[in-house]
Amino acid sequence: MWPDLAFFGNCMLTIDQSVSASAPNWRGWFIMGFSLAWRDLSALAARIEVAWERQSERRRLGALDDRALKDMGFSRADAWREASKPAWRD
């Protein structure tokens, strides 16, 4: 029913061989674009993970009682100021 995938690979191989040597290879461009997109998505995922952890730590800091904050050297105002920061800010 459907053509064999090897057929498409052979067609592309024939097309690549028929193009002059100075023409860019479409596979190389595709792989380069895919790897750049993957790199950018990986960096974005890492930033989201850091922001998620930072926000979680700030929520826990805001939930501590005054005695625990005093043990760490923070006041309630310091904890509130830190907990109210957006996730993307250090």
N, C-alpha and C. Protein backbone atom coordinates (compact mmCIF):
# COMPACT_ATOMS: atom_id res chain seq x y z
N MET A 1 0.83 -1.18 0.00
CA MET A 1 0.00 0.00 0.00
C MET A 1 0.88 1.25 0.00
N TRP A 2 1.64 1.48 1.09
CA TRP A 2 2.54 2.63 1.16
C TRP A 2 3.89 2.24 0.58
N PRO A 3 4.55 3.18 -0.07
CA PRO A 3 5.88 2.87 -0.60
C PRO A 3 6.88 2.62 0.52
N ASP A 4 7.84 1.84 0.24
CA ASP A 4 8.87 1.52 1.21
C ASP A 4 9.69 2.78 1.49
N LEU A 5 10.10 2.97 2.77
CA LEU A 5 10.88 4.15 3.14
C LEU A 5 12.24 4.16 2.45
N ALA A 6 12.75 3.01 2.13
CA ALA A 6 14.03 2.95 1.41
C ALA A 6 13.90 3.63 0.06
N PHE A 7 12.72 3.59 -0.52
CA PHE A 7 12.48 4.26 -1.80
C PHE A 7 12.75 5.76 -1.66
N PHE A 8 12.24 6.36 -0.58
CA PHE A 8 12.46 7.79 -0.38
C PHE A 8 13.93 8.09 -0.13
N GLY A 9 14.59 7.24 0.63
CA GLY A 9 16.01 7.43 0.86
C GLY A 9 16.80 7.37 -0.44
N ASN A 10 16.45 6.42 -1.31
CA ASN A 10 17.13 6.32 -2.60
C ASN A 10 16.85 7.53 -3.47
N CYS A 11 15.61 8.05 -3.43
CA CYS A 11 15.30 9.26 -4.20
C CYS A 11 16.14 10.43 -3.72
N MET A 12 16.25 10.59 -2.40
CA MET A 12 17.03 11.70 -1.86
C MET A 12 18.51 11.53 -2.21
N LEU A 13 18.99 10.31 -2.16
CA LEU A 13 20.37 10.05 -2.52
C LEU A 13 20.60 10.43 -3.97
N THR A 14 19.67 10.08 -4.84
CA THR A 14 19.78 10.44 -6.26
C THR A 14 19.75 11.95 -6.44
N ILE A 15 18.87 12.61 -5.71
CA ILE A 15 18.80 14.08 -5.81
C ILE A 15 20.10 14.69 -5.33
N ASP A 16 20.64 14.20 -4.20
CA ASP A 16 21.90 14.74 -3.68
C ASP A 16 23.02 14.54 -4.68
N GLN A 17 23.06 13.39 -5.32
CA GLN A 17 24.14 13.11 -6.27
C GLN A 17 23.99 13.96 -7.52
N SER A 18 22.76 14.34 -7.88
CA SER A 18 22.57 15.12 -9.10
C SER A 18 22.87 16.60 -8.89
N VAL A 19 22.91 17.05 -7.65
CA VAL A 19 23.21 18.46 -7.37
C VAL A 19 24.71 18.65 -7.41
N SER A 20 25.13 19.80 -7.87
CA SER A 20 26.57 20.05 -7.97
C SER A 20 27.21 20.06 -6.58
N ALA A 21 28.50 19.90 -6.54
CA ALA A 21 29.23 19.81 -5.28
C ALA A 21 29.20 21.13 -4.52
N SER A 22 28.98 22.25 -5.21
CA SER A 22 28.99 23.54 -4.53
C SER A 22 27.65 23.85 -3.86
N ALA A 23 26.59 23.12 -4.17
CA ALA A 23 25.29 23.37 -3.55
C ALA A 23 25.29 22.84 -2.12
N PRO A 24 24.60 23.54 -1.21
CA PRO A 24 24.56 23.06 0.18
C PRO A 24 23.78 21.77 0.29
N ASN A 25 24.21 20.95 1.21
CA ASN A 25 23.57 19.67 1.46
C ASN A 25 22.37 19.90 2.37
N TRP A 26 21.17 19.53 1.94
CA TRP A 26 19.97 19.80 2.73
C TRP A 26 19.98 19.02 4.04
N ARG A 27 20.58 17.86 4.07
CA ARG A 27 20.65 17.08 5.32
C ARG A 27 21.50 17.80 6.36
N GLY A 28 22.61 18.35 5.91
CA GLY A 28 23.47 19.09 6.83
C GLY A 28 22.76 20.30 7.42
N TRP A 29 22.03 21.03 6.58
CA TRP A 29 21.27 22.19 7.05
C TRP A 29 20.19 21.76 8.02
N PHE A 30 19.52 20.66 7.72
CA PHE A 30 18.46 20.17 8.59
C PHE A 30 19.02 19.76 9.94
N ILE A 31 20.11 19.01 9.92
CA ILE A 31 20.71 18.54 11.17
C ILE A 31 21.22 19.72 11.99
N MET A 32 21.84 20.69 11.32
CA MET A 32 22.33 21.87 12.03
C MET A 32 21.16 22.64 12.66
N GLY A 33 20.09 22.84 11.91
CA GLY A 33 18.93 23.54 12.45
C GLY A 33 18.29 22.79 13.59
N PHE A 34 18.19 21.48 13.46
CA PHE A 34 17.61 20.66 14.52
C PHE A 34 18.47 20.72 15.78
N SER A 35 19.79 20.65 15.61
CA SER A 35 20.66 20.67 16.80
C SER A 35 20.64 22.03 17.47
N LEU A 36 20.53 23.11 16.69
CA LEU A 36 20.42 24.44 17.30
C LEU A 36 19.10 24.59 18.05
N ALA A 37 18.03 24.10 17.46
CA ALA A 37 16.73 24.15 18.13
C ALA A 37 16.75 23.31 19.40
N TRP A 38 17.37 22.14 19.35
CA TRP A 38 17.47 21.28 20.53
C TRP A 38 18.28 21.95 21.62
N ARG A 39 19.37 22.62 21.23
CA ARG A 39 20.20 23.34 22.21
C ARG A 39 19.39 24.43 22.89
N ASP A 40 18.63 25.19 22.10
CA ASP A 40 17.84 26.28 22.65
C ASP A 40 16.73 25.75 23.56
N LEU A 41 16.08 24.67 23.16
CA LEU A 41 15.04 24.09 24.00
C LEU A 41 15.62 23.52 25.29
N SER A 42 16.81 22.94 25.21
CA SER A 42 17.45 22.41 26.41
C SER A 42 17.81 23.54 27.38
N ALA A 43 18.31 24.65 26.83
CA ALA A 43 18.64 25.80 27.68
C ALA A 43 17.38 26.38 28.32
N LEU A 44 16.30 26.45 27.56
CA LEU A 44 15.04 26.94 28.11
C LEU A 44 14.53 26.02 29.21
N ALA A 45 14.61 24.73 29.01
CA ALA A 45 14.17 23.77 30.03
C ALA A 45 15.02 23.91 31.30
N ALA A 46 16.31 24.14 31.14
CA ALA A 46 17.18 24.31 32.31
C ALA A 46 16.80 25.58 33.08
N ARG A 47 16.51 26.66 32.36
CA ARG A 47 16.12 27.90 33.02
C ARG A 47 14.79 27.74 33.75
N ILE A 48 13.86 27.02 33.14
CA ILE A 48 12.56 26.80 33.79
C ILE A 48 12.75 25.97 35.05
N GLU A 49 13.63 24.97 34.99
CA GLU A 49 13.89 24.14 36.17
C GLU A 49 14.49 24.96 37.31
N VAL A 50 15.44 25.84 36.98
CA VAL A 50 16.06 26.69 38.01
C VAL A 50 15.02 27.62 38.62
N ALA A 51 14.18 28.22 37.77
CA ALA A 51 13.15 29.13 38.26
C ALA A 51 12.15 28.38 39.15
N TRP A 52 11.80 27.16 38.76
CA TRP A 52 10.87 26.35 39.55
C TRP A 52 11.45 26.05 40.93
N GLU A 53 12.72 25.65 40.96
CA GLU A 53 13.38 25.36 42.25
C GLU A 53 13.48 26.61 43.10
N ARG A 54 13.84 27.73 42.48
CA ARG A 54 13.98 28.99 43.21
C ARG A 54 12.64 29.40 43.83
N GLN A 55 11.56 29.28 43.06
CA GLN A 55 10.25 29.65 43.58
C GLN A 55 9.82 28.71 44.70
N SER A 56 10.15 27.44 44.58
CA SER A 56 9.82 26.49 45.63
C SER A 56 10.56 26.82 46.93
N GLU A 57 11.84 27.16 46.82
CA GLU A 57 12.62 27.54 48.00
C GLU A 57 12.08 28.82 48.63
N ARG A 58 11.66 29.75 47.81
CA ARG A 58 11.11 31.00 48.34
C ARG A 58 9.79 30.75 49.06
N ARG A 59 8.97 29.85 48.52
CA ARG A 59 7.71 29.51 49.19
C ARG A 59 7.99 28.88 50.56
N ARG A 60 8.97 27.98 50.60
CA ARG A 60 9.32 27.35 51.88
C ARG A 60 9.87 28.36 52.87
N LEU A 61 10.67 29.33 52.39
CA LEU A 61 11.20 30.37 53.27
C LEU A 61 10.07 31.22 53.84
N GLY A 62 9.10 31.54 53.00
CA GLY A 62 7.96 32.33 53.47
C GLY A 62 7.09 31.58 54.46
N ALA A 63 7.13 30.26 54.45
CA ALA A 63 6.30 29.46 55.35
C ALA A 63 6.97 29.19 56.70
N LEU A 64 8.23 29.55 56.84
CA LEU A 64 8.92 29.30 58.12
C LEU A 64 8.40 30.21 59.21
N ASP A 65 8.49 29.73 60.45
CA ASP A 65 8.07 30.57 61.57
C ASP A 65 9.20 31.51 61.97
N ASP A 66 8.87 32.45 62.85
CA ASP A 66 9.83 33.49 63.23
C ASP A 66 11.07 32.92 63.91
N ARG A 67 10.90 31.86 64.69
CA ARG A 67 12.04 31.28 65.38
C ARG A 67 13.04 30.69 64.39
N ALA A 68 12.55 29.97 63.38
CA ALA A 68 13.43 29.38 62.37
C ALA A 68 14.11 30.47 61.55
N LEU A 69 13.38 31.53 61.24
CA LEU A 69 13.98 32.65 60.50
C LEU A 69 15.07 33.31 61.32
N LYS A 70 14.82 33.48 62.63
CA LYS A 70 15.82 34.11 63.50
C LYS A 70 17.07 33.25 63.59
N ASP A 71 16.90 31.91 63.62
CA ASP A 71 18.04 31.00 63.65
C ASP A 71 18.93 31.17 62.41
N MET A 72 18.32 31.48 61.28
CA MET A 72 19.07 31.67 60.03
C MET A 72 19.55 33.11 59.84
N GLY A 73 19.13 34.00 60.72
CA GLY A 73 19.55 35.39 60.62
C GLY A 73 18.66 36.25 59.72
N PHE A 74 17.43 35.81 59.50
CA PHE A 74 16.48 36.56 58.68
C PHE A 74 15.36 37.10 59.55
N SER A 75 14.82 38.21 59.16
CA SER A 75 13.62 38.72 59.80
C SER A 75 12.42 38.32 58.95
N ARG A 76 11.21 38.54 59.48
CA ARG A 76 10.00 38.24 58.73
C ARG A 76 9.95 39.13 57.47
N ALA A 77 10.41 40.37 57.56
CA ALA A 77 10.43 41.28 56.40
C ALA A 77 11.39 40.77 55.33
N ASP A 78 12.55 40.25 55.75
CA ASP A 78 13.50 39.69 54.78
C ASP A 78 12.88 38.49 54.05
N ALA A 79 12.22 37.63 54.81
CA ALA A 79 11.60 36.45 54.21
C ALA A 79 10.48 36.86 53.26
N TRP A 80 9.68 37.86 53.66
CA TRP A 80 8.60 38.31 52.80
C TRP A 80 9.15 38.92 51.52
N ARG A 81 10.21 39.73 51.65
CA ARG A 81 10.82 40.37 50.48
C ARG A 81 11.37 39.32 49.51
N GLU A 82 12.01 38.31 50.03
CA GLU A 82 12.56 37.24 49.18
C GLU A 82 11.44 36.40 48.56
N ALA A 83 10.42 36.08 49.34
CA ALA A 83 9.33 35.25 48.84
C ALA A 83 8.47 35.97 47.81
N SER A 84 8.47 37.29 47.82
CA SER A 84 7.63 38.03 46.89
C SER A 84 8.33 38.31 45.55
N LYS A 85 9.60 37.92 45.44
CA LYS A 85 10.30 38.12 44.16
C LYS A 85 9.75 37.17 43.10
N PRO A 86 9.75 37.60 41.85
CA PRO A 86 9.34 36.68 40.78
C PRO A 86 10.37 35.55 40.61
N ALA A 87 9.94 34.47 40.03
CA ALA A 87 10.79 33.27 39.91
C ALA A 87 12.03 33.53 39.04
N TRP A 88 11.94 34.42 38.08
CA TRP A 88 13.06 34.63 37.17
C TRP A 88 14.13 35.56 37.71
N ARG A 89 13.87 36.19 38.86
CA ARG A 89 14.83 37.13 39.43
C ARG A 89 15.69 36.44 40.48
N ASP A 90 17.00 36.72 40.46
CA ASP A 90 17.91 36.14 41.46
C ASP A 90 17.69 36.75 42.82
